[in-house]
Structure formats: structure tokens, C-alpha cells
């Protein structure tokens, strides 16, 4: 592991901001550890003037089998990956193009960014250095909840419950949560 991967020296900054334009990002992985796990799915939702204008979602061919825990959590099966999965390098390149210089929004987004950062270096020889807003951090700052999981926030804001734990669906729900948190952020800072 290189010093860049270990320390992530060029990782973007964590922001607390009400944005109009951004991209919501979520990934599904085979493990919680970016040094041993693989990215299974990358999804993103591009937002302009607080409205979704485009989406990106790709399954990725992995070297290992999709484990039962991951299949139970996400519904992603080995058959789906074999049939629909694309090459990681190609997906990362296309994701990079989709993301551009946007600020990333995500729930517990450090996890996603660390996985992506390490894979950007390994597969593309580049750094993922976009700044980011973490809805988990915002919710801990703004809401009187004992738990701040995405499902807790969906329930708190009376949003439509997620019917699947898939990256694109989570991006869309995270965007709704972010918009609600921004309303609270405005009143919090007044």
C-alpha cells in the first residue's frame, strides 16, 4: 500500500454547506475494508439548483463471489454481476467524467470516498480530491436523535422508506435527506 493510499493526502475537505449544485454518491462493496474489499456498485445523482438532472449507476465485475451477507443486504447476486457487471477501470473513468468537479454529498460518505480514492489511485493513477458534505455529520450536528443511520433519517423526515439497499436508491434517498437537513441548517445558523 502506498503512502498516498494509506494517508489519502489529496482527499477533499469535509464541508458543512447548503449547496444548490452537487452530486450524491453511494457505493456497495464486498467488505468494509478498502484494502481487501471490492467495489460492487457505484451510483451517483447529479443535482442542479436542488433538482435531480441525471443519474449514474453501474454494477462492477469483481474477482471474488458476492457473499451471502452482501446479497442479503443489497439483493445483488453473482448472476447479476456476471450478466450486468462492467470492468472497474471503465466504470471509475465514466464515474469520474460524470462527477467532474462537483462537491460530493453522501451518507457516511467518508466510507465511500475512501474506497473510491484508493481505487482511483490503483486503477486510474489519479486522486479523488472533490470536497464533500456528509449527511451523517450534518444530522449529528442538527438532529436530536440517538441514531443517525440513513433509515433513521428517512423515518425522522417522514420520507418514503427504502425498498432496497442499492446504491442508486440510496443516492435518491440521501438527496431527499440532504434537502431536509439544509432546511434545518438555515434555521440553525440564523
C-alpha atoms as a PDB file:
ATOM      1  CA  UNK A   1       0.000   0.000   0.000  1.00  0.00           C
ATOM      2  CA  UNK A   2       1.456   3.373  -0.986  1.00  0.00           C
ATOM      3  CA  UNK A   3       1.745   6.329   1.345  1.00  0.00           C
ATOM      4  CA  UNK A   4      -0.889   8.132  -0.753  1.00  0.00           C
ATOM      5  CA  UNK A   5      -3.441   5.362  -0.228  1.00  0.00           C
ATOM      6  CA  UNK A   6      -2.689   4.977   3.467  1.00  0.00           C
ATOM      7  CA  UNK A   7      -2.871   8.685   4.323  1.00  0.00           C
ATOM      8  CA  UNK A   8      -5.128   9.875   1.468  1.00  0.00           C
ATOM      9  CA  UNK A   9      -3.146  13.128   1.339  1.00  0.00           C
ATOM     10  CA  UNK A  10      -5.140  14.596  -1.541  1.00  0.00           C
ATOM     11  CA  UNK A  11      -8.614  13.751  -0.287  1.00  0.00           C
ATOM     12  CA  UNK A  12     -11.093  16.649  -0.475  1.00  0.00           C
ATOM     13  CA  UNK A  13     -12.290  18.630   2.539  1.00  0.00           C
ATOM     14  CA  UNK A  14     -15.376  17.865   4.608  1.00  0.00           C
ATOM     15  CA  UNK A  15     -17.815  20.784   4.364  1.00  0.00           C
ATOM     16  CA  UNK A  16     -20.949  21.893   6.208  1.00  0.00           C
ATOM     17  CA  UNK A  17     -22.853  23.629   3.433  1.00  0.00           C
ATOM     18  CA  UNK A  18     -26.259  24.169   1.853  1.00  0.00           C
ATOM     19  CA  UNK A  19     -25.488  23.587  -1.825  1.00  0.00           C
ATOM     20  CA  UNK A  20     -27.587  24.107  -4.944  1.00  0.00           C
ATOM     21  CA  UNK A  21     -25.344  22.072  -7.253  1.00  0.00           C
ATOM     22  CA  UNK A  22     -23.647  18.797  -6.225  1.00  0.00           C
ATOM     23  CA  UNK A  23     -23.506  15.064  -6.900  1.00  0.00           C
ATOM     24  CA  UNK A  24     -24.808  12.486  -4.416  1.00  0.00           C
ATOM     25  CA  UNK A  25     -22.630   9.354  -4.360  1.00  0.00           C
ATOM     26  CA  UNK A  26     -23.093   5.881  -2.900  1.00  0.00           C
ATOM     27  CA  UNK A  27     -21.292   2.585  -3.409  1.00  0.00           C
ATOM     28  CA  UNK A  28     -21.911  -1.016  -2.459  1.00  0.00           C
ATOM     29  CA  UNK A  29     -18.879  -3.142  -1.541  1.00  0.00           C
ATOM     30  CA  UNK A  30     -17.936  -6.711  -0.731  1.00  0.00           C
ATOM     31  CA  UNK A  31     -16.304  -5.684   2.562  1.00  0.00           C
ATOM     32  CA  UNK A  32     -15.982  -2.740   4.924  1.00  0.00           C
ATOM     33  CA  UNK A  33     -12.202  -2.669   4.359  1.00  0.00           C
ATOM     34  CA  UNK A  34     -10.964  -0.849   1.245  1.00  0.00           C
ATOM     35  CA  UNK A  35      -7.667  -2.746   1.283  1.00  0.00           C
ATOM     36  CA  UNK A  36      -9.340  -6.162   0.957  1.00  0.00           C
ATOM     37  CA  UNK A  37     -12.860  -5.420  -0.281  1.00  0.00           C
ATOM     38  CA  UNK A  38     -14.036  -4.640  -3.783  1.00  0.00           C
ATOM     39  CA  UNK A  39     -16.477  -2.077  -5.117  1.00  0.00           C
ATOM     40  CA  UNK A  40     -19.566  -3.898  -6.325  1.00  0.00           C
ATOM     41  CA  UNK A  41     -21.689  -0.939  -7.451  1.00  0.00           C
ATOM     42  CA  UNK A  42     -21.191   2.807  -7.966  1.00  0.00           C
ATOM     43  CA  UNK A  43     -24.137   5.152  -8.267  1.00  0.00           C
ATOM     44  CA  UNK A  44     -24.468   8.913  -8.366  1.00  0.00           C
ATOM     45  CA  UNK A  45     -27.188  11.512  -8.768  1.00  0.00           C
ATOM     46  CA  UNK A  46     -26.299  14.863 -10.319  1.00  0.00           C
ATOM     47  CA  UNK A  47     -28.227  17.786  -8.794  1.00  0.00           C
ATOM     48  CA  UNK A  48     -28.540  21.279 -10.238  1.00  0.00           C
ATOM     49  CA  UNK A  49     -30.500  24.025  -8.496  1.00  0.00           C
ATOM     50  CA  UNK A  50     -31.542  21.370  -5.926  1.00  0.00           C
ATOM     51  CA  UNK A  51     -33.185  19.203  -8.623  1.00  0.00           C
ATOM     52  CA  UNK A  52     -32.011  15.793  -9.891  1.00  0.00           C
ATOM     53  CA  UNK A  53     -30.986  16.159 -13.542  1.00  0.00           C
ATOM     54  CA  UNK A  54     -29.068  12.935 -14.218  1.00  0.00           C
ATOM     55  CA  UNK A  55     -28.138   9.577 -12.718  1.00  0.00           C
ATOM     56  CA  UNK A  56     -25.223   7.161 -12.978  1.00  0.00           C
ATOM     57  CA  UNK A  57     -25.304   3.539 -11.842  1.00  0.00           C
ATOM     58  CA  UNK A  58     -23.120   0.561 -12.705  1.00  0.00           C
ATOM     59  CA  UNK A  59     -22.545  -2.885 -11.279  1.00  0.00           C
ATOM     60  CA  UNK A  60     -18.909  -3.963 -11.369  1.00  0.00           C
ATOM     61  CA  UNK A  61     -17.375  -7.347 -12.140  1.00  0.00           C
ATOM     62  CA  UNK A  62     -15.478  -8.477  -9.074  1.00  0.00           C
ATOM     63  CA  UNK A  63     -12.718 -11.028  -8.578  1.00  0.00           C
ATOM     64  CA  UNK A  64     -14.494 -12.850  -5.744  1.00  0.00           C
ATOM     65  CA  UNK A  65     -18.001 -14.177  -5.313  1.00  0.00           C
ATOM     66  CA  UNK A  66     -20.718 -11.951  -3.887  1.00  0.00           C
ATOM     67  CA  UNK A  67     -21.067 -13.217  -0.324  1.00  0.00           C
ATOM     68  CA  UNK A  68     -24.403 -14.147   1.281  1.00  0.00           C
ATOM     69  CA  UNK A  69     -24.263 -11.143   3.652  1.00  0.00           C
ATOM     70  CA  UNK A  70     -23.893  -8.729   0.713  1.00  0.00           C
ATOM     71  CA  UNK A  71     -26.622 -10.471  -1.289  1.00  0.00           C
ATOM     72  CA  UNK A  72     -28.999 -10.382   1.709  1.00  0.00           C
ATOM     73  CA  UNK A  73     -28.264  -6.699   2.305  1.00  0.00           C
ATOM     74  CA  UNK A  74     -28.301  -5.427  -1.278  1.00  0.00           C
ATOM     75  CA  UNK A  75     -30.080  -8.053  -3.341  1.00  0.00           C
ATOM     76  CA  UNK A  76     -27.052  -8.128  -5.654  1.00  0.00           C
ATOM     77  CA  UNK A  77     -26.314 -11.690  -6.750  1.00  0.00           C
ATOM     78  CA  UNK A  78     -23.388 -13.342  -8.511  1.00  0.00           C
ATOM     79  CA  UNK A  79     -25.644 -13.829 -11.542  1.00  0.00           C
ATOM     80  CA  UNK A  80     -26.390 -10.082 -11.693  1.00  0.00           C
ATOM     81  CA  UNK A  81     -22.689  -9.224 -11.505  1.00  0.00           C
ATOM     82  CA  UNK A  82     -21.810 -11.740 -14.227  1.00  0.00           C
ATOM     83  CA  UNK A  83     -24.596 -10.512 -16.501  1.00  0.00           C
ATOM     84  CA  UNK A  84     -24.544  -6.732 -15.859  1.00  0.00           C
ATOM     85  CA  UNK A  85     -21.141  -6.095 -14.262  1.00  0.00           C
ATOM     86  CA  UNK A  86     -18.628  -3.892 -16.049  1.00  0.00           C
ATOM     87  CA  UNK A  87     -14.872  -3.504 -15.770  1.00  0.00           C
ATOM     88  CA  UNK A  88     -13.883  -1.459 -12.685  1.00  0.00           C
ATOM     89  CA  UNK A  89     -11.438   0.794 -14.561  1.00  0.00           C
ATOM     90  CA  UNK A  90     -14.055   1.648 -17.184  1.00  0.00           C
ATOM     91  CA  UNK A  91     -16.698   2.382 -14.528  1.00  0.00           C
ATOM     92  CA  UNK A  92     -14.305   4.547 -12.489  1.00  0.00           C
ATOM     93  CA  UNK A  93     -13.343   6.521 -15.587  1.00  0.00           C
ATOM     94  CA  UNK A  94     -17.009   7.073 -16.523  1.00  0.00           C
ATOM     95  CA  UNK A  95     -17.857   7.944 -12.915  1.00  0.00           C
ATOM     96  CA  UNK A  96     -15.012  10.488 -12.839  1.00  0.00           C
ATOM     97  CA  UNK A  97     -16.408  12.094 -16.002  1.00  0.00           C
ATOM     98  CA  UNK A  98     -19.937  12.153 -14.531  1.00  0.00           C
ATOM     99  CA  UNK A  99     -18.748  13.631 -11.220  1.00  0.00           C
ATOM    100  CA  UNK A 100     -16.479  16.310 -12.672  1.00  0.00           C
ATOM    101  CA  UNK A 101     -15.520  18.906 -10.062  1.00  0.00           C
ATOM    102  CA  UNK A 102     -18.780  18.677  -8.137  1.00  0.00           C
ATOM    103  CA  UNK A 103     -18.896  18.601  -4.375  1.00  0.00           C
ATOM    104  CA  UNK A 104     -19.903  15.094  -3.294  1.00  0.00           C
ATOM    105  CA  UNK A 105     -22.853  14.580  -0.936  1.00  0.00           C
ATOM    106  CA  UNK A 106     -23.377  11.246   0.777  1.00  0.00           C
ATOM    107  CA  UNK A 107     -24.396   9.499   3.973  1.00  0.00           C
ATOM    108  CA  UNK A 108     -21.360   8.327   5.931  1.00  0.00           C
ATOM    109  CA  UNK A 109     -19.608   9.445   2.767  1.00  0.00           C
ATOM    110  CA  UNK A 110     -16.088   9.020   4.160  1.00  0.00           C
ATOM    111  CA  UNK A 111     -16.543   5.281   3.685  1.00  0.00           C
ATOM    112  CA  UNK A 112     -17.467   5.698   0.006  1.00  0.00           C
ATOM    113  CA  UNK A 113     -14.790   8.305  -0.683  1.00  0.00           C
ATOM    114  CA  UNK A 114     -12.026   6.235   0.938  1.00  0.00           C
ATOM    115  CA  UNK A 115     -12.944   3.205  -1.191  1.00  0.00           C
ATOM    116  CA  UNK A 116     -13.156   5.336  -4.324  1.00  0.00           C
ATOM    117  CA  UNK A 117      -9.954   7.256  -3.505  1.00  0.00           C
ATOM    118  CA  UNK A 118      -7.941   4.047  -3.125  1.00  0.00           C
ATOM    119  CA  UNK A 119      -9.392   2.591  -6.324  1.00  0.00           C
ATOM    120  CA  UNK A 120      -8.840   5.831  -8.281  1.00  0.00           C
ATOM    121  CA  UNK A 121      -5.129   5.584  -7.422  1.00  0.00           C
ATOM    122  CA  UNK A 122      -4.896   1.857  -8.161  1.00  0.00           C
ATOM    123  CA  UNK A 123      -6.963   1.803 -11.375  1.00  0.00           C
ATOM    124  CA  UNK A 124      -6.622   5.320 -12.828  1.00  0.00           C
ATOM    125  CA  UNK A 125      -3.388   6.587 -11.274  1.00  0.00           C
ATOM    126  CA  UNK A 126      -5.300   9.688 -10.113  1.00  0.00           C
ATOM    127  CA  UNK A 127      -6.595  11.166  -6.874  1.00  0.00           C
ATOM    128  CA  UNK A 128     -10.231  11.717  -5.966  1.00  0.00           C
ATOM    129  CA  UNK A 129      -9.943  15.151  -4.402  1.00  0.00           C
ATOM    130  CA  UNK A 130     -13.511  16.524  -4.589  1.00  0.00           C
ATOM    131  CA  UNK A 131     -14.735  18.216  -1.415  1.00  0.00           C
ATOM    132  CA  UNK A 132     -17.707  16.553   0.270  1.00  0.00           C
ATOM    133  CA  UNK A 133     -20.694  17.027   2.571  1.00  0.00           C
ATOM    134  CA  UNK A 134     -21.613  14.146   4.870  1.00  0.00           C
ATOM    135  CA  UNK A 135     -25.303  13.930   5.784  1.00  0.00           C
ATOM    136  CA  UNK A 136     -24.329  11.745   8.767  1.00  0.00           C
ATOM    137  CA  UNK A 137     -22.170  14.580  10.138  1.00  0.00           C
ATOM    138  CA  UNK A 138     -24.917  17.133   9.424  1.00  0.00           C
ATOM    139  CA  UNK A 139     -27.594  15.028  11.122  1.00  0.00           C
ATOM    140  CA  UNK A 140     -25.448  14.552  14.223  1.00  0.00           C
ATOM    141  CA  UNK A 141     -24.989  18.312  14.368  1.00  0.00           C
ATOM    142  CA  UNK A 142     -28.629  19.248  13.724  1.00  0.00           C
ATOM    143  CA  UNK A 143     -30.948  16.483  14.943  1.00  0.00           C
ATOM    144  CA  UNK A 144     -31.746  15.229  18.460  1.00  0.00           C
ATOM    145  CA  UNK A 145     -31.610  11.543  17.526  1.00  0.00           C
ATOM    146  CA  UNK A 146     -29.822   8.691  19.263  1.00  0.00           C
ATOM    147  CA  UNK A 147     -29.067   7.003  15.911  1.00  0.00           C
ATOM    148  CA  UNK A 148     -28.294   8.696  12.620  1.00  0.00           C
ATOM    149  CA  UNK A 149     -28.428   5.841  10.105  1.00  0.00           C
ATOM    150  CA  UNK A 150     -29.974   6.676   6.744  1.00  0.00           C
ATOM    151  CA  UNK A 151     -33.121   4.714   7.676  1.00  0.00           C
ATOM    152  CA  UNK A 152     -33.404   6.731  10.926  1.00  0.00           C
ATOM    153  CA  UNK A 153     -33.289   9.980   8.959  1.00  0.00           C
ATOM    154  CA  UNK A 154     -35.787   8.723   6.388  1.00  0.00           C
ATOM    155  CA  UNK A 155     -38.164   7.930   9.249  1.00  0.00           C
ATOM    156  CA  UNK A 156     -37.475  11.236  11.052  1.00  0.00           C
ATOM    157  CA  UNK A 157     -38.330  13.245   7.940  1.00  0.00           C
ATOM    158  CA  UNK A 158     -41.300  11.011   7.020  1.00  0.00           C
ATOM    159  CA  UNK A 159     -39.818  10.131   3.645  1.00  0.00           C
ATOM    160  CA  UNK A 160     -40.773   7.067   1.641  1.00  0.00           C
ATOM    161  CA  UNK A 161     -38.968   4.098   3.184  1.00  0.00           C
ATOM    162  CA  UNK A 162     -36.319   2.450   1.063  1.00  0.00           C
ATOM    163  CA  UNK A 163     -37.434  -0.743  -0.588  1.00  0.00           C
ATOM    164  CA  UNK A 164     -33.905  -1.893  -1.363  1.00  0.00           C
ATOM    165  CA  UNK A 165     -30.389  -1.240  -0.151  1.00  0.00           C
ATOM    166  CA  UNK A 166     -28.936  -0.419  -3.562  1.00  0.00           C
ATOM    167  CA  UNK A 167     -26.608   2.441  -4.385  1.00  0.00           C
ATOM    168  CA  UNK A 168     -28.871   4.431  -6.749  1.00  0.00           C
ATOM    169  CA  UNK A 169     -31.877   4.152  -4.448  1.00  0.00           C
ATOM    170  CA  UNK A 170     -29.688   5.249  -1.521  1.00  0.00           C
ATOM    171  CA  UNK A 171     -28.439   8.249  -3.544  1.00  0.00           C
ATOM    172  CA  UNK A 172     -32.011   9.389  -4.227  1.00  0.00           C
ATOM    173  CA  UNK A 173     -32.991   8.983  -0.569  1.00  0.00           C
ATOM    174  CA  UNK A 174     -29.796  10.662   0.661  1.00  0.00           C
ATOM    175  CA  UNK A 175     -30.593  13.606  -1.598  1.00  0.00           C
ATOM    176  CA  UNK A 176     -34.041  13.948  -0.012  1.00  0.00           C
ATOM    177  CA  UNK A 177     -32.479  13.764   3.450  1.00  0.00           C
ATOM    178  CA  UNK A 178     -29.842  16.345   2.481  1.00  0.00           C
ATOM    179  CA  UNK A 179     -32.508  18.796   1.286  1.00  0.00           C
ATOM    180  CA  UNK A 180     -34.360  18.418   4.611  1.00  0.00           C
ATOM    181  CA  UNK A 181     -31.109  18.862   6.567  1.00  0.00           C
ATOM    182  CA  UNK A 182     -30.350  22.027   4.578  1.00  0.00           C
ATOM    183  CA  UNK A 183     -33.664  23.499   5.739  1.00  0.00           C
ATOM    184  CA  UNK A 184     -32.564  22.810   9.320  1.00  0.00           C
ATOM    185  CA  UNK A 185     -29.080  24.159   8.619  1.00  0.00           C
ATOM    186  CA  UNK A 186     -30.536  27.506   7.516  1.00  0.00           C
ATOM    187  CA  UNK A 187     -32.571  27.861  10.736  1.00  0.00           C
ATOM    188  CA  UNK A 188     -29.642  26.536  12.817  1.00  0.00           C
ATOM    189  CA  UNK A 189     -27.257  29.202  11.538  1.00  0.00           C
ATOM    190  CA  UNK A 190     -29.767  32.089  11.834  1.00  0.00           C
END
